Amino acid sequence: MPIHSILLAFHVLGACIWFGGYVVLSFVILPKAKADKTPRLVVDFERRFRKIGWPALAVQMVTGPIMALRFVPDPGDWFLWQTANQDHIASKLIMLVILVALATVMQARVIPRLQAEESGSLKSAAKVIHSMTFFSFMMVFTGLDIHTLGFAY
């Protein structure tokens, strides 16, 4: 089996875990927490999910750049925005930075507010969670597109 196929399999598995976790959080856990006014549901989910979510994201952060070299061999060319492959790679890297920033805000600011059950904490959590779900989806979509070049070009 070619190395690219192995890397792709691990990358997709990581994406499934990360994106799937945020879909569950956005559309199952968060609505229940809001309806019941129990921020603890989000805190408990996040605490459990981070054990597999962060490693899944780390796998993507390792496999992604290695696979990107197959499409654009010189990392110095990744942000030139001259080819479809460069567009995809640069877009994914920018979204990754945004996603990591949002995840950091979630862990450092939102979760502590939820634990303290501060007023409005579920509302601010929802904004961050929905943003993370959106950017996770966009990364999956862009990843599919780079392998098919069928949607954007």
N, C-alpha and C. Protein backbone atom coordinates (compact mmCIF):
# COMPACT_ATOMS: atom_id res chain seq x y z
N MET A 1 0.85 -1.17 0.00
CA MET A 1 0.00 0.00 0.00
C MET A 1 0.90 1.24 0.00
N PRO A 2 0.66 2.17 -0.91
CA PRO A 2 1.49 3.37 -0.98
C PRO A 2 1.37 4.21 0.30
N ILE A 3 2.46 4.88 0.64
CA ILE A 3 2.50 5.69 1.86
C ILE A 3 1.41 6.76 1.85
N HIS A 4 1.13 7.33 0.67
CA HIS A 4 0.09 8.37 0.60
C HIS A 4 -1.26 7.81 1.04
N SER A 5 -1.56 6.58 0.66
CA SER A 5 -2.84 5.97 1.05
C SER A 5 -2.92 5.77 2.56
N ILE A 6 -1.81 5.38 3.16
CA ILE A 6 -1.78 5.19 4.61
C ILE A 6 -1.97 6.53 5.32
N LEU A 7 -1.23 7.54 4.85
CA LEU A 7 -1.36 8.88 5.44
C LEU A 7 -2.79 9.40 5.29
N LEU A 8 -3.35 9.20 4.11
CA LEU A 8 -4.72 9.66 3.85
C LEU A 8 -5.71 8.97 4.77
N ALA A 9 -5.53 7.66 4.97
CA ALA A 9 -6.43 6.92 5.85
C ALA A 9 -6.39 7.48 7.28
N PHE A 10 -5.19 7.73 7.79
CA PHE A 10 -5.06 8.29 9.14
C PHE A 10 -5.62 9.72 9.19
N HIS A 11 -5.38 10.48 8.14
CA HIS A 11 -5.86 11.86 8.08
C HIS A 11 -7.40 11.90 8.09
N VAL A 12 -8.01 11.04 7.29
CA VAL A 12 -9.47 10.98 7.22
C VAL A 12 -10.05 10.48 8.54
N LEU A 13 -9.41 9.49 9.14
CA LEU A 13 -9.88 9.00 10.44
C LEU A 13 -9.83 10.13 11.48
N GLY A 14 -8.74 10.88 11.49
CA GLY A 14 -8.64 12.03 12.41
C GLY A 14 -9.72 13.05 12.15
N ALA A 15 -10.00 13.31 10.87
CA ALA A 15 -11.04 14.29 10.51
C ALA A 15 -12.42 13.79 10.94
N CYS A 16 -12.67 12.50 10.77
CA CYS A 16 -13.96 11.94 11.19
C CYS A 16 -14.16 12.10 12.69
N ILE A 17 -13.12 11.82 13.45
CA ILE A 17 -13.22 11.93 14.91
C ILE A 17 -13.44 13.39 15.31
N TRP A 18 -12.59 14.29 14.79
CA TRP A 18 -12.68 15.71 15.17
C TRP A 18 -14.02 16.31 14.74
N PHE A 19 -14.34 16.20 13.46
CA PHE A 19 -15.57 16.80 12.94
C PHE A 19 -16.79 16.14 13.56
N GLY A 20 -16.77 14.82 13.65
CA GLY A 20 -17.89 14.09 14.24
C GLY A 20 -18.15 14.51 15.68
N GLY A 21 -17.09 14.71 16.43
CA GLY A 21 -17.24 15.15 17.81
C GLY A 21 -17.91 16.51 17.90
N TYR A 22 -17.52 17.41 17.00
CA TYR A 22 -18.12 18.75 17.05
C TYR A 22 -19.54 18.78 16.48
N VAL A 23 -19.86 17.85 15.59
CA VAL A 23 -21.25 17.73 15.14
C VAL A 23 -22.13 17.28 16.31
N VAL A 24 -21.66 16.27 17.04
CA VAL A 24 -22.42 15.79 18.21
C VAL A 24 -22.55 16.91 19.24
N LEU A 25 -21.46 17.62 19.49
CA LEU A 25 -21.51 18.71 20.47
C LEU A 25 -22.47 19.81 20.03
N SER A 26 -22.41 20.19 18.75
CA SER A 26 -23.25 21.28 18.24
C SER A 26 -24.74 20.93 18.18
N PHE A 27 -25.04 19.72 17.75
CA PHE A 27 -26.43 19.39 17.43
C PHE A 27 -27.11 18.43 18.41
N VAL A 28 -26.36 17.91 19.39
CA VAL A 28 -26.96 17.02 20.38
C VAL A 28 -26.74 17.57 21.80
N ILE A 29 -25.47 17.71 22.17
CA ILE A 29 -25.14 18.09 23.54
C ILE A 29 -25.53 19.54 23.84
N LEU A 30 -25.12 20.47 22.99
CA LEU A 30 -25.38 21.89 23.23
C LEU A 30 -26.88 22.22 23.32
N PRO A 31 -27.71 21.74 22.38
CA PRO A 31 -29.15 22.03 22.51
C PRO A 31 -29.75 21.49 23.82
N LYS A 32 -29.30 20.31 24.22
CA LYS A 32 -29.78 19.73 25.49
C LYS A 32 -29.33 20.59 26.67
N ALA A 33 -28.07 21.02 26.64
CA ALA A 33 -27.56 21.87 27.73
C ALA A 33 -28.31 23.19 27.80
N LYS A 34 -28.63 23.76 26.64
CA LYS A 34 -29.38 25.03 26.62
C LYS A 34 -30.80 24.82 27.13
N ALA A 35 -31.44 23.76 26.68
CA ALA A 35 -32.83 23.50 27.08
C ALA A 35 -32.93 23.24 28.59
N ASP A 36 -31.96 22.49 29.11
CA ASP A 36 -31.98 22.15 30.54
C ASP A 36 -31.25 23.17 31.41
N LYS A 37 -30.62 24.15 30.75
CA LYS A 37 -29.80 25.15 31.47
C LYS A 37 -28.75 24.47 32.34
N THR A 38 -28.06 23.50 31.71
CA THR A 38 -27.01 22.75 32.42
C THR A 38 -25.70 22.80 31.63
N PRO A 39 -24.90 23.83 31.85
CA PRO A 39 -23.62 23.95 31.15
C PRO A 39 -22.70 22.76 31.41
N ARG A 40 -22.95 22.07 32.49
CA ARG A 40 -22.11 20.92 32.86
C ARG A 40 -22.09 19.86 31.75
N LEU A 41 -23.18 19.73 30.99
CA LEU A 41 -23.22 18.76 29.89
C LEU A 41 -22.12 19.04 28.87
N VAL A 42 -21.93 20.31 28.54
CA VAL A 42 -20.89 20.69 27.58
C VAL A 42 -19.51 20.44 28.18
N VAL A 43 -19.34 20.81 29.45
CA VAL A 43 -18.06 20.62 30.13
C VAL A 43 -17.69 19.13 30.16
N ASP A 44 -18.65 18.30 30.53
CA ASP A 44 -18.40 16.85 30.61
C ASP A 44 -18.05 16.27 29.25
N PHE A 45 -18.79 16.69 28.21
CA PHE A 45 -18.49 16.20 26.87
C PHE A 45 -17.09 16.63 26.44
N GLU A 46 -16.78 17.90 26.63
CA GLU A 46 -15.46 18.42 26.25
C GLU A 46 -14.34 17.68 26.97
N ARG A 47 -14.53 17.44 28.26
CA ARG A 47 -13.50 16.75 29.05
C ARG A 47 -13.23 15.35 28.50
N ARG A 48 -14.29 14.65 28.14
CA ARG A 48 -14.13 13.31 27.58
C ARG A 48 -13.61 13.35 26.14
N PHE A 49 -14.15 14.28 25.36
CA PHE A 49 -13.80 14.34 23.94
C PHE A 49 -12.35 14.74 23.72
N ARG A 50 -11.81 15.60 24.57
CA ARG A 50 -10.43 16.06 24.34
C ARG A 50 -9.42 14.92 24.37
N LYS A 51 -9.77 13.82 25.02
CA LYS A 51 -8.86 12.67 25.08
C LYS A 51 -8.67 12.01 23.72
N ILE A 52 -9.69 12.10 22.86
CA ILE A 52 -9.53 11.57 21.50
C ILE A 52 -9.52 12.67 20.45
N GLY A 53 -10.16 13.79 20.76
CA GLY A 53 -10.25 14.89 19.80
C GLY A 53 -8.91 15.55 19.51
N TRP A 54 -8.19 15.91 20.56
CA TRP A 54 -6.89 16.57 20.35
C TRP A 54 -5.89 15.64 19.66
N PRO A 55 -5.78 14.36 20.05
CA PRO A 55 -4.88 13.47 19.29
C PRO A 55 -5.31 13.33 17.83
N ALA A 56 -6.63 13.31 17.58
CA ALA A 56 -7.11 13.22 16.19
C ALA A 56 -6.69 14.45 15.40
N LEU A 57 -6.80 15.62 16.02
CA LEU A 57 -6.36 16.85 15.36
C LEU A 57 -4.85 16.83 15.14
N ALA A 58 -4.11 16.32 16.12
CA ALA A 58 -2.65 16.23 15.98
C ALA A 58 -2.26 15.32 14.82
N VAL A 59 -2.97 14.21 14.65
CA VAL A 59 -2.70 13.32 13.52
C VAL A 59 -2.89 14.07 12.21
N GLN A 60 -3.94 14.87 12.13
CA GLN A 60 -4.19 15.65 10.92
C GLN A 60 -3.09 16.70 10.69
N MET A 61 -2.60 17.27 11.79
CA MET A 61 -1.57 18.30 11.69
C MET A 61 -0.23 17.71 11.23
N VAL A 62 -0.03 16.43 11.47
CA VAL A 62 1.19 15.76 11.00
C VAL A 62 1.00 15.24 9.58
N THR A 63 -0.10 14.56 9.33
CA THR A 63 -0.29 13.94 8.01
C THR A 63 -0.61 14.96 6.92
N GLY A 64 -1.31 16.03 7.27
CA GLY A 64 -1.70 17.03 6.27
C GLY A 64 -0.53 17.64 5.53
N PRO A 65 0.44 18.23 6.23
CA PRO A 65 1.59 18.82 5.53
C PRO A 65 2.40 17.79 4.73
N ILE A 66 2.50 16.57 5.25
CA ILE A 66 3.24 15.54 4.50
C ILE A 66 2.52 15.25 3.19
N MET A 67 1.19 15.13 3.24
CA MET A 67 0.44 14.89 2.00
C MET A 67 0.46 16.10 1.09
N ALA A 68 0.49 17.29 1.67
CA ALA A 68 0.52 18.51 0.85
C ALA A 68 1.77 18.55 -0.03
N LEU A 69 2.85 17.97 0.46
CA LEU A 69 4.10 17.94 -0.32
C LEU A 69 3.93 17.18 -1.63
N ARG A 70 2.99 16.25 -1.65
CA ARG A 70 2.72 15.50 -2.89
C ARG A 70 2.11 16.41 -3.95
N PHE A 71 1.29 17.35 -3.51
CA PHE A 71 0.60 18.24 -4.44
C PHE A 71 1.42 19.47 -4.79
N VAL A 72 2.12 20.02 -3.80
CA VAL A 72 3.00 21.19 -4.01
C VAL A 72 4.28 20.88 -3.23
N PRO A 73 5.31 20.35 -3.92
CA PRO A 73 6.50 19.85 -3.25
C PRO A 73 7.31 20.88 -2.44
N ASP A 74 7.22 22.15 -2.78
CA ASP A 74 7.97 23.17 -2.06
C ASP A 74 7.04 23.92 -1.12
N PRO A 75 7.20 23.74 0.21
CA PRO A 75 6.33 24.44 1.15
C PRO A 75 6.36 25.96 0.98
N GLY A 76 7.42 26.48 0.44
CA GLY A 76 7.50 27.91 0.18
C GLY A 76 6.50 28.38 -0.86
N ASP A 77 5.98 27.44 -1.64
CA ASP A 77 4.99 27.77 -2.68
C ASP A 77 3.55 27.60 -2.21
N TRP A 78 3.35 27.13 -0.99
CA TRP A 78 2.00 26.83 -0.52
C TRP A 78 1.09 28.06 -0.47
N PHE A 79 1.65 29.24 -0.26
CA PHE A 79 0.84 30.45 -0.13
C PHE A 79 0.98 31.39 -1.32
N LEU A 80 1.31 30.85 -2.48
CA LEU A 80 1.43 31.70 -3.67
C LEU A 80 0.09 31.97 -4.33
N TRP A 81 -0.92 31.14 -4.06
CA TRP A 81 -2.27 31.33 -4.59
C TRP A 81 -2.28 31.39 -6.12
N GLN A 82 -1.47 30.55 -6.77
CA GLN A 82 -1.40 30.56 -8.24
C GLN A 82 -2.04 29.33 -8.87
N THR A 83 -2.19 28.26 -8.09
CA THR A 83 -2.79 27.03 -8.62
C THR A 83 -3.89 26.57 -7.66
N ALA A 84 -4.72 25.67 -8.16
CA ALA A 84 -5.79 25.12 -7.32
C ALA A 84 -5.20 24.42 -6.09
N ASN A 85 -4.13 23.67 -6.28
CA ASN A 85 -3.53 22.97 -5.15
C ASN A 85 -2.99 23.95 -4.11
N GLN A 86 -2.35 25.01 -4.56
CA GLN A 86 -1.86 26.02 -3.61
C GLN A 86 -3.03 26.67 -2.86
N ASP A 87 -4.10 26.95 -3.58
CA ASP A 87 -5.28 27.54 -2.95
C ASP A 87 -5.82 26.63 -1.84
N HIS A 88 -5.93 25.35 -2.15
CA HIS A 88 -6.47 24.39 -1.19
C HIS A 88 -5.56 24.27 0.03
N ILE A 89 -4.28 24.12 -0.20
CA ILE A 89 -3.34 23.94 0.91
C ILE A 89 -3.32 25.19 1.79
N ALA A 90 -3.21 26.35 1.18
CA ALA A 90 -3.18 27.59 1.96
C ALA A 90 -4.49 27.77 2.73
N SER A 91 -5.60 27.47 2.09
CA SER A 91 -6.90 27.60 2.76
C SER A 91 -6.99 26.68 3.97
N LYS A 92 -6.55 25.43 3.79
CA LYS A 92 -6.61 24.48 4.90
C LYS A 92 -5.71 24.92 6.05
N LEU A 93 -4.53 25.44 5.74
CA LEU A 93 -3.63 25.88 6.79
C LEU A 93 -4.18 27.09 7.54
N ILE A 94 -4.79 28.01 6.82
CA ILE A 94 -5.40 29.17 7.46
C ILE A 94 -6.56 28.72 8.35
N MET A 95 -7.39 27.82 7.84
CA MET A 95 -8.51 27.32 8.64
C MET A 95 -8.00 26.56 9.87
N LEU A 96 -6.89 25.85 9.72
CA LEU A 96 -6.31 25.13 10.86
C LEU A 96 -5.90 26.11 11.95
N VAL A 97 -5.26 27.20 11.57
CA VAL A 97 -4.86 28.20 12.56
C VAL A 97 -6.09 28.76 13.27
N ILE A 98 -7.13 29.05 12.51
CA ILE A 98 -8.38 29.56 13.11
C ILE A 98 -8.97 28.52 14.06
N LEU A 99 -8.98 27.26 13.62
CA LEU A 99 -9.55 26.18 14.43
C LEU A 99 -8.78 25.98 15.72
N VAL A 100 -7.46 26.00 15.65
CA VAL A 100 -6.64 25.84 16.85
C VAL A 100 -6.85 27.03 17.79
N ALA A 101 -6.97 28.23 17.22
CA ALA A 101 -7.23 29.42 18.05
C ALA A 101 -8.58 29.29 18.76
N LEU A 102 -9.60 28.85 18.02
CA LEU A 102 -10.92 28.66 18.62
C LEU A 102 -10.89 27.58 19.70
N ALA A 103 -10.19 26.49 19.43
CA ALA A 103 -10.09 25.40 20.41
C ALA A 103 -9.37 25.88 21.67
N THR A 104 -8.38 26.73 21.49
CA THR A 104 -7.65 27.28 22.63
C THR A 104 -8.56 28.20 23.45
N VAL A 105 -9.33 29.03 22.77
CA VAL A 105 -10.30 29.89 23.45
C VAL A 105 -11.31 29.02 24.21
N MET A 106 -11.75 27.96 23.58
CA MET A 106 -12.71 27.06 24.21
C MET A 106 -12.15 26.51 25.52
N GLN A 107 -10.91 26.01 25.46
CA GLN A 107 -10.32 25.40 26.65
C GLN A 107 -9.93 26.43 27.72
N ALA A 108 -9.41 27.57 27.28
CA ALA A 108 -8.88 28.54 28.24
C ALA A 108 -9.93 29.50 28.80
N ARG A 109 -10.96 29.81 28.03
CA ARG A 109 -11.91 30.84 28.46
C ARG A 109 -13.33 30.30 28.63
N VAL A 110 -13.80 29.56 27.62
CA VAL A 110 -15.21 29.15 27.63
C VAL A 110 -15.48 28.06 28.66
N ILE A 111 -14.67 27.03 28.67
CA ILE A 111 -14.89 25.92 29.61
C ILE A 111 -14.84 26.41 31.07
N PRO A 112 -13.86 27.24 31.45
CA PRO A 112 -13.88 27.74 32.83
C PRO A 112 -15.15 28.54 33.16
N ARG A 113 -15.66 29.30 32.20
CA ARG A 113 -16.91 30.05 32.43
C ARG A 113 -18.09 29.09 32.58
N LEU A 114 -18.08 28.02 31.78
CA LEU A 114 -19.15 27.03 31.90
C LEU A 114 -19.08 26.32 33.25
N GLN A 115 -17.86 25.99 33.68
CA GLN A 115 -17.68 25.32 34.97
C GLN A 115 -18.18 26.20 36.12
N ALA A 116 -17.96 27.50 35.99
CA ALA A 116 -18.42 28.44 37.02
C ALA A 116 -19.91 28.76 36.86
N GLU A 117 -20.51 28.24 35.79
CA GLU A 117 -21.92 28.47 35.48
C GLU A 117 -22.25 29.96 35.44
N GLU A 118 -21.35 30.72 34.81
CA GLU A 118 -21.56 32.16 34.66
C GLU A 118 -22.74 32.43 33.73
N SER A 119 -23.41 33.52 33.99
CA SER A 119 -24.53 33.93 33.14
C SER A 119 -24.03 34.19 31.72
N GLY A 120 -24.73 33.65 30.76
CA GLY A 120 -24.36 33.85 29.35
C GLY A 120 -23.27 32.93 28.86
N SER A 121 -22.79 32.04 29.71
CA SER A 121 -21.69 31.17 29.30
C SER A 121 -22.10 30.19 28.20
N LEU A 122 -23.33 29.70 28.24
CA LEU A 122 -23.78 28.79 27.18
C LEU A 122 -23.91 29.51 25.85
N LYS A 123 -24.30 30.78 25.90
CA LYS A 123 -24.43 31.56 24.67
C LYS A 123 -23.05 31.77 24.03
N SER A 124 -22.05 32.13 24.82
CA SER A 124 -20.71 32.31 24.26
C SER A 124 -20.12 30.97 23.84
N ALA A 125 -20.42 29.92 24.59
CA ALA A 125 -19.95 28.59 24.20
C ALA A 125 -20.54 28.19 22.85
N ALA A 126 -21.81 28.49 22.65
CA ALA A 126 -22.47 28.14 21.39
C ALA A 126 -21.79 28.81 20.21
N LYS A 127 -21.41 30.06 20.36
CA LYS A 127 -20.73 30.78 19.27
C LYS A 127 -19.42 30.10 18.90
N VAL A 128 -18.64 29.74 19.92
CA VAL A 128 -17.35 29.09 19.66
C VAL A 128 -17.56 27.69 19.09
N ILE A 129 -18.47 26.94 19.66
CA ILE A 129 -18.73 25.57 19.21
C ILE A 129 -19.23 25.56 17.77
N HIS A 130 -20.17 26.43 17.44
CA HIS A 130 -20.69 26.47 16.07
C HIS A 130 -19.61 26.93 15.09
N SER A 131 -18.76 27.85 15.51
CA SER A 131 -17.65 28.28 14.65
C SER A 131 -16.68 27.14 14.41
N MET A 132 -16.38 26.38 15.46
CA MET A 132 -15.48 25.24 15.30
C MET A 132 -16.09 24.18 14.40
N THR A 133 -17.38 23.95 14.54
CA THR A 133 -18.05 22.98 13.68
C THR A 133 -18.01 23.43 12.23
N PHE A 134 -18.26 24.71 12.00
CA PHE A 134 -18.23 25.26 10.64
C PHE A 134 -16.83 25.12 10.02
N PHE A 135 -15.80 25.55 10.73
CA PHE A 135 -14.45 25.46 10.17
C PHE A 135 -14.01 24.01 10.00
N SER A 136 -14.46 23.13 10.88
CA SER A 136 -14.15 21.70 10.72
C SER A 136 -14.79 21.17 9.44
N PHE A 137 -16.05 21.55 9.22
CA PHE A 137 -16.73 21.15 7.98
C PHE A 137 -15.99 21.68 6.76
N MET A 138 -15.62 22.94 6.80
CA MET A 138 -14.93 23.55 5.65
C MET A 138 -13.60 22.86 5.38
N MET A 139 -12.92 22.43 6.43
CA MET A 139 -11.65 21.71 6.23
C MET A 139 -11.90 20.36 5.58
N VAL A 140 -12.96 19.67 6.01
CA VAL A 140 -13.30 18.38 5.38
C VAL A 140 -13.65 18.61 3.91
N PHE A 141 -14.48 19.59 3.64
CA PHE A 141 -14.90 19.91 2.28
C PHE A 141 -13.69 20.26 1.41
N THR A 142 -12.80 21.09 1.92
CA THR A 142 -11.61 21.49 1.16
C THR A 142 -10.69 20.29 0.95
N GLY A 143 -10.59 19.42 1.94
CA GLY A 143 -9.78 18.22 1.79
C GLY A 143 -10.32 17.29 0.72
N LEU A 144 -11.64 17.15 0.68
CA LEU A 144 -12.24 16.35 -0.39
C LEU A 144 -11.98 16.98 -1.74
N ASP A 145 -12.09 18.29 -1.78
CA ASP A 145 -11.92 19.02 -3.04
C ASP A 145 -10.50 18.90 -3.58
N ILE A 146 -9.49 18.90 -2.72
CA ILE A 146 -8.12 18.80 -3.22
C ILE A 146 -7.86 17.43 -3.84
N HIS A 147 -8.58 16.43 -3.35
CA HIS A 147 -8.39 15.08 -3.90
C HIS A 147 -9.22 14.84 -5.15
N THR A 148 -10.25 15.64 -5.36
CA THR A 148 -11.08 15.46 -6.56
C THR A 148 -10.99 16.64 -7.51
N LEU A 149 -10.65 17.82 -6.97
CA LEU A 149 -10.64 19.07 -7.73
C LEU A 149 -11.94 19.22 -8.53
N GLY A 150 -13.03 18.80 -7.89
CA GLY A 150 -14.29 18.81 -8.59
C GLY A 150 -15.26 19.89 -8.19
N PHE A 151 -15.12 20.44 -7.00
CA PHE A 151 -16.11 21.42 -6.54
C PHE A 151 -15.73 22.84 -6.93
N ALA A 152 -14.50 23.22 -6.65
CA ALA A 152 -14.10 24.62 -6.81
C ALA A 152 -13.61 24.95 -8.21
N TYR A 153 -13.17 23.95 -8.95
CA TYR A 153 -12.56 24.27 -10.26
C TYR A 153 -13.16 23.46 -11.37
